[in-house]
């Protein structure tokens, strides 16, 4: 069962909110991975990309 973009966004926000304030900007499916892009913190240019596995919902990467 694949997770939806809404669920992937929820996972990414829960992860990022541990450390930053979060504003989601996009969710793109690339193969088997959701790429969630978010602005974090108070500086306007701090962007983070979280990779969420489409099948398990586990975070695969964070940059």
PDB file of N, CA and C in Angstrom:
ATOM      1  N   UNK A   1       0.834  -1.179   0.000  1.00  0.00           N
ATOM      2  CA  UNK A   1       0.000   0.000   0.000  1.00  0.00           C
ATOM      3  C   UNK A   1       0.882   1.247   0.000  1.00  0.00           C
ATOM      4  N   UNK A   2       0.686   2.107  -0.941  1.00  0.00           N
ATOM      5  CA  UNK A   2       1.477   3.337  -1.037  1.00  0.00           C
ATOM      6  C   UNK A   2       0.836   4.445  -0.215  1.00  0.00           C
ATOM      7  N   UNK A   3       1.692   5.304   0.348  1.00  0.00           N
ATOM      8  CA  UNK A   3       1.170   6.430   1.110  1.00  0.00           C
ATOM      9  C   UNK A   3       0.884   7.604   0.175  1.00  0.00           C
ATOM     10  N   UNK A   4      -0.051   8.430   0.562  1.00  0.00           N
ATOM     11  CA  UNK A   4      -0.441   9.588  -0.254  1.00  0.00           C
ATOM     12  C   UNK A   4       0.516  10.749   0.013  1.00  0.00           C
ATOM     13  N   UNK A   5       0.406  11.767  -0.821  1.00  0.00           N
ATOM     14  CA  UNK A   5       1.222  12.963  -0.613  1.00  0.00           C
ATOM     15  C   UNK A   5       0.850  13.630   0.709  1.00  0.00           C
ATOM     16  N   UNK A   6      -0.417  13.589   1.080  1.00  0.00           N
ATOM     17  CA  UNK A   6      -0.855  14.179   2.351  1.00  0.00           C
ATOM     18  C   UNK A   6      -0.171  13.500   3.526  1.00  0.00           C
ATOM     19  N   UNK A   7      -0.116  12.178   3.514  1.00  0.00           N
ATOM     20  CA  UNK A   7       0.537  11.431   4.592  1.00  0.00           C
ATOM     21  C   UNK A   7       2.041  11.706   4.596  1.00  0.00           C
ATOM     22  N   UNK A   8       2.658  11.763   3.422  1.00  0.00           N
ATOM     23  CA  UNK A   8       4.091  12.051   3.329  1.00  0.00           C
ATOM     24  C   UNK A   8       4.393  13.436   3.908  1.00  0.00           C
ATOM     25  N   UNK A   9       3.514  14.412   3.623  1.00  0.00           N
ATOM     26  CA  UNK A   9       3.688  15.758   4.172  1.00  0.00           C
ATOM     27  C   UNK A   9       3.582  15.744   5.690  1.00  0.00           C
ATOM     28  N   UNK A  10       2.621  14.999   6.225  1.00  0.00           N
ATOM     29  CA  UNK A  10       2.461  14.898   7.681  1.00  0.00           C
ATOM     30  C   UNK A  10       3.724  14.328   8.332  1.00  0.00           C
ATOM     31  N   UNK A  11       4.287  13.304   7.717  1.00  0.00           N
ATOM     32  CA  UNK A  11       5.510  12.681   8.237  1.00  0.00           C
ATOM     33  C   UNK A  11       6.643  13.688   8.237  1.00  0.00           C
ATOM     34  N   UNK A  12       6.804  14.410   7.132  1.00  0.00           N
ATOM     35  CA  UNK A  12       7.879  15.396   7.018  1.00  0.00           C
ATOM     36  C   UNK A  12       7.707  16.522   8.037  1.00  0.00           C
ATOM     37  N   UNK A  13       6.485  17.007   8.206  1.00  0.00           N
ATOM     38  CA  UNK A  13       6.248  18.099   9.166  1.00  0.00           C
ATOM     39  C   UNK A  13       6.546  17.642  10.586  1.00  0.00           C
ATOM     40  N   UNK A  14       6.094  16.453  10.962  1.00  0.00           N
ATOM     41  CA  UNK A  14       6.385  15.941  12.313  1.00  0.00           C
ATOM     42  C   UNK A  14       7.886  15.856  12.549  1.00  0.00           C
ATOM     43  N   UNK A  15       8.616  15.402  11.537  1.00  0.00           N
ATOM     44  CA  UNK A  15      10.072  15.297  11.653  1.00  0.00           C
ATOM     45  C   UNK A  15      10.712  16.668  11.809  1.00  0.00           C
ATOM     46  N   UNK A  16      10.358  17.599  10.940  1.00  0.00           N
ATOM     47  CA  UNK A  16      10.990  18.921  10.951  1.00  0.00           C
ATOM     48  C   UNK A  16      10.592  19.764  12.159  1.00  0.00           C
ATOM     49  N   UNK A  17       9.378  19.614  12.656  1.00  0.00           N
ATOM     50  CA  UNK A  17       8.918  20.434  13.770  1.00  0.00           C
ATOM     51  C   UNK A  17       9.684  20.157  15.057  1.00  0.00           C
ATOM     52  N   UNK A  18      10.420  19.073  15.101  1.00  0.00           N
ATOM     53  CA  UNK A  18      11.257  18.801  16.264  1.00  0.00           C
ATOM     54  C   UNK A  18      12.346  19.858  16.411  1.00  0.00           C
ATOM     55  N   UNK A  19      12.732  20.488  15.298  1.00  0.00           N
ATOM     56  CA  UNK A  19      13.878  21.385  15.275  1.00  0.00           C
ATOM     57  C   UNK A  19      13.578  22.787  14.752  1.00  0.00           C
ATOM     58  N   UNK A  20      12.528  22.952  13.948  1.00  0.00           N
ATOM     59  CA  UNK A  20      12.286  24.206  13.229  1.00  0.00           C
ATOM     60  C   UNK A  20      10.794  24.538  13.172  1.00  0.00           C
ATOM     61  N   UNK A  21      10.496  25.789  12.841  1.00  0.00           N
ATOM     62  CA  UNK A  21       9.150  26.107  12.375  1.00  0.00           C
ATOM     63  C   UNK A  21       9.142  25.704  10.899  1.00  0.00           C
ATOM     64  N   UNK A  22       7.986  25.287  10.382  1.00  0.00           N
ATOM     65  CA  UNK A  22       7.937  24.654   9.057  1.00  0.00           C
ATOM     66  C   UNK A  22       6.832  25.259   8.193  1.00  0.00           C
ATOM     67  N   UNK A  23       7.172  25.521   6.919  1.00  0.00           N
ATOM     68  CA  UNK A  23       6.184  25.876   5.899  1.00  0.00           C
ATOM     69  C   UNK A  23       6.468  24.975   4.692  1.00  0.00           C
ATOM     70  N   UNK A  24       5.532  24.083   4.393  1.00  0.00           N
ATOM     71  CA  UNK A  24       5.713  23.179   3.251  1.00  0.00           C
ATOM     72  C   UNK A  24       5.562  23.947   1.946  1.00  0.00           C
ATOM     73  N   UNK A  25       6.403  23.604   0.964  1.00  0.00           N
ATOM     74  CA  UNK A  25       6.308  24.272  -0.328  1.00  0.00           C
ATOM     75  C   UNK A  25       5.917  23.323  -1.451  1.00  0.00           C
ATOM     76  N   UNK A  26       6.313  22.033  -1.359  1.00  0.00           N
ATOM     77  CA  UNK A  26       5.922  21.103  -2.422  1.00  0.00           C
ATOM     78  C   UNK A  26       6.093  19.659  -1.981  1.00  0.00           C
ATOM     79  N   UNK A  27       5.420  18.774  -2.710  1.00  0.00           N
ATOM     80  CA  UNK A  27       5.561  17.325  -2.527  1.00  0.00           C
ATOM     81  C   UNK A  27       5.556  16.708  -3.919  1.00  0.00           C
ATOM     82  N   UNK A  28       6.669  16.104  -4.289  1.00  0.00           N
ATOM     83  CA  UNK A  28       6.814  15.514  -5.621  1.00  0.00           C
ATOM     84  C   UNK A  28       7.155  14.036  -5.495  1.00  0.00           C
ATOM     85  N   UNK A  29       6.474  13.205  -6.261  1.00  0.00           N
ATOM     86  CA  UNK A  29       6.756  11.782  -6.282  1.00  0.00           C
ATOM     87  C   UNK A  29       7.780  11.503  -7.373  1.00  0.00           C
ATOM     88  N   UNK A  30       8.910  10.933  -6.986  1.00  0.00           N
ATOM     89  CA  UNK A  30       9.965  10.571  -7.943  1.00  0.00           C
ATOM     90  C   UNK A  30      10.282   9.096  -7.728  1.00  0.00           C
ATOM     91  N   UNK A  31       9.737   8.266  -8.607  1.00  0.00           N
ATOM     92  CA  UNK A  31       9.932   6.825  -8.451  1.00  0.00           C
ATOM     93  C   UNK A  31       9.199   6.333  -7.222  1.00  0.00           C
ATOM     94  N   UNK A  32       9.948   5.772  -6.280  1.00  0.00           N
ATOM     95  CA  UNK A  32       9.385   5.223  -5.045  1.00  0.00           C
ATOM     96  C   UNK A  32       9.572   6.148  -3.858  1.00  0.00           C
ATOM     97  N   UNK A  33       9.840   7.421  -4.107  1.00  0.00           N
ATOM     98  CA  UNK A  33      10.168   8.351  -3.025  1.00  0.00           C
ATOM     99  C   UNK A  33       9.386   9.654  -3.175  1.00  0.00           C
ATOM    100  N   UNK A  34       8.763  10.090  -2.090  1.00  0.00           N
ATOM    101  CA  UNK A  34       8.188  11.428  -2.039  1.00  0.00           C
ATOM    102  C   UNK A  34       9.293  12.389  -1.664  1.00  0.00           C
ATOM    103  N   UNK A  35       9.453  13.467  -2.406  1.00  0.00           N
ATOM    104  CA  UNK A  35      10.401  14.530  -2.077  1.00  0.00           C
ATOM    105  C   UNK A  35       9.569  15.698  -1.544  1.00  0.00           C
ATOM    106  N   UNK A  36       9.668  15.932  -0.257  1.00  0.00           N
ATOM    107  CA  UNK A  36       8.920  17.002   0.399  1.00  0.00           C
ATOM    108  C   UNK A  36       9.878  18.174   0.588  1.00  0.00           C
ATOM    109  N   UNK A  37       9.503  19.337   0.084  1.00  0.00           N
ATOM    110  CA  UNK A  37      10.328  20.536   0.212  1.00  0.00           C
ATOM    111  C   UNK A  37       9.643  21.483   1.183  1.00  0.00           C
ATOM    112  N   UNK A  38      10.443  22.040   2.112  1.00  0.00           N
ATOM    113  CA  UNK A  38       9.883  22.929   3.120  1.00  0.00           C
ATOM    114  C   UNK A  38      10.853  24.048   3.456  1.00  0.00           C
ATOM    115  N   UNK A  39      10.294  25.203   3.784  1.00  0.00           N
ATOM    116  CA  UNK A  39      11.080  26.301   4.343  1.00  0.00           C
ATOM    117  C   UNK A  39      11.076  26.106   5.851  1.00  0.00           C
ATOM    118  N   UNK A  40      12.247  26.258   6.472  1.00  0.00           N
ATOM    119  CA  UNK A  40      12.343  26.046   7.916  1.00  0.00           C
ATOM    120  C   UNK A  40      12.999  27.244   8.587  1.00  0.00           C
ATOM    121  N   UNK A  41      12.697  27.401   9.856  1.00  0.00           N
ATOM    122  CA  UNK A  41      13.294  28.487  10.611  1.00  0.00           C
ATOM    123  C   UNK A  41      12.752  29.834  10.193  1.00  0.00           C
ATOM    124  N   UNK A  42      13.454  30.878  10.606  1.00  0.00           N
ATOM    125  CA  UNK A  42      12.994  32.232  10.348  1.00  0.00           C
ATOM    126  C   UNK A  42      13.686  32.880   9.148  1.00  0.00           C
ATOM    127  N   UNK A  43      14.795  32.321   8.703  1.00  0.00           N
ATOM    128  CA  UNK A  43      15.491  32.861   7.526  1.00  0.00           C
ATOM    129  C   UNK A  43      14.750  32.404   6.269  1.00  0.00           C
ATOM    130  N   UNK A  44      14.501  33.293   5.327  1.00  0.00           N
ATOM    131  CA  UNK A  44      13.695  32.938   4.150  1.00  0.00           C
ATOM    132  C   UNK A  44      14.356  31.947   3.197  1.00  0.00           C
ATOM    133  N   UNK A  45      15.651  31.781   3.282  1.00  0.00           N
ATOM    134  CA  UNK A  45      16.325  30.910   2.316  1.00  0.00           C
ATOM    135  C   UNK A  45      16.707  29.549   2.886  1.00  0.00           C
ATOM    136  N   UNK A  46      16.224  29.192   4.057  1.00  0.00           N
ATOM    137  CA  UNK A  46      16.522  27.876   4.610  1.00  0.00           C
ATOM    138  C   UNK A  46      15.506  26.867   4.081  1.00  0.00           C
ATOM    139  N   UNK A  47      15.960  26.046   3.147  1.00  0.00           N
ATOM    140  CA  UNK A  47      15.107  25.044   2.509  1.00  0.00           C
ATOM    141  C   UNK A  47      15.615  23.658   2.899  1.00  0.00           C
ATOM    142  N   UNK A  48      14.690  22.772   3.216  1.00  0.00           N
ATOM    143  CA  UNK A  48      15.035  21.385   3.512  1.00  0.00           C
ATOM    144  C   UNK A  48      14.222  20.477   2.604  1.00  0.00           C
ATOM    145  N   UNK A  49      14.848  19.393   2.186  1.00  0.00           N
ATOM    146  CA  UNK A  49      14.170  18.388   1.371  1.00  0.00           C
ATOM    147  C   UNK A  49      14.219  17.059   2.129  1.00  0.00           C
ATOM    148  N   UNK A  50      13.056  16.495   2.331  1.00  0.00           N
ATOM    149  CA  UNK A  50      12.936  15.245   3.058  1.00  0.00           C
ATOM    150  C   UNK A  50      12.480  14.182   2.075  1.00  0.00           C
ATOM    151  N   UNK A  51      13.147  13.052   2.088  1.00  0.00           N
ATOM    152  CA  UNK A  51      12.788  11.939   1.212  1.00  0.00           C
ATOM    153  C   UNK A  51      12.017  10.920   2.047  1.00  0.00           C
ATOM    154  N   UNK A  52      10.786  10.626   1.616  1.00  0.00           N
ATOM    155  CA  UNK A  52       9.924   9.690   2.329  1.00  0.00           C
ATOM    156  C   UNK A  52       9.605   8.516   1.409  1.00  0.00           C
ATOM    157  N   UNK A  53       9.873   7.301   1.888  1.00  0.00           N
ATOM    158  CA  UNK A  53       9.596   6.090   1.106  1.00  0.00           C
ATOM    159  C   UNK A  53       8.092   5.981   0.858  1.00  0.00           C
ATOM    160  N   UNK A  54       7.703   5.775  -0.387  1.00  0.00           N
ATOM    161  CA  UNK A  54       6.288   5.755  -0.764  1.00  0.00           C
ATOM    162  C   UNK A  54       5.556   4.533  -0.198  1.00  0.00           C
ATOM    163  N   UNK A  55       6.264   3.447   0.057  1.00  0.00           N
ATOM    164  CA  UNK A  55       5.613   2.237   0.549  1.00  0.00           C
ATOM    165  C   UNK A  55       5.554   2.168   2.064  1.00  0.00           C
ATOM    166  N   UNK A  56       6.639   2.566   2.741  1.00  0.00           N
ATOM    167  CA  UNK A  56       6.705   2.405   4.188  1.00  0.00           C
ATOM    168  C   UNK A  56       6.421   3.684   4.961  1.00  0.00           C
ATOM    169  N   UNK A  57       6.619   4.834   4.325  1.00  0.00           N
ATOM    170  CA  UNK A  57       6.466   6.104   5.022  1.00  0.00           C
ATOM    171  C   UNK A  57       7.660   6.478   5.861  1.00  0.00           C
ATOM    172  N   UNK A  58       8.736   5.718   5.751  1.00  0.00           N
ATOM    173  CA  UNK A  58       9.951   6.028   6.514  1.00  0.00           C
ATOM    174  C   UNK A  58      10.765   7.116   5.824  1.00  0.00           C
ATOM    175  N   UNK A  59      11.396   7.941   6.640  1.00  0.00           N
ATOM    176  CA  UNK A  59      12.260   8.989   6.114  1.00  0.00           C
ATOM    177  C   UNK A  59      13.558   8.347   5.649  1.00  0.00           C
ATOM    178  N   UNK A  60      13.884   8.566   4.377  1.00  0.00           N
ATOM    179  CA  UNK A  60      15.075   7.961   3.782  1.00  0.00           C
ATOM    180  C   UNK A  60      16.232   8.921   3.728  1.00  0.00           C
ATOM    181  N   UNK A  61      15.940  10.214   3.774  1.00  0.00           N
ATOM    182  CA  UNK A  61      17.011  11.199   3.698  1.00  0.00           C
ATOM    183  C   UNK A  61      16.497  12.558   4.058  1.00  0.00           C
ATOM    184  N   UNK A  62      17.463  13.444   4.372  1.00  0.00           N
ATOM    185  CA  UNK A  62      17.141  14.796   4.806  1.00  0.00           C
ATOM    186  C   UNK A  62      18.308  15.679   4.434  1.00  0.00           C
ATOM    187  N   UNK A  63      18.035  16.718   3.692  1.00  0.00           N
ATOM    188  CA  UNK A  63      19.120  17.624   3.304  1.00  0.00           C
ATOM    189  C   UNK A  63      18.633  19.056   3.321  1.00  0.00           C
TER     190      UNK A  63
END
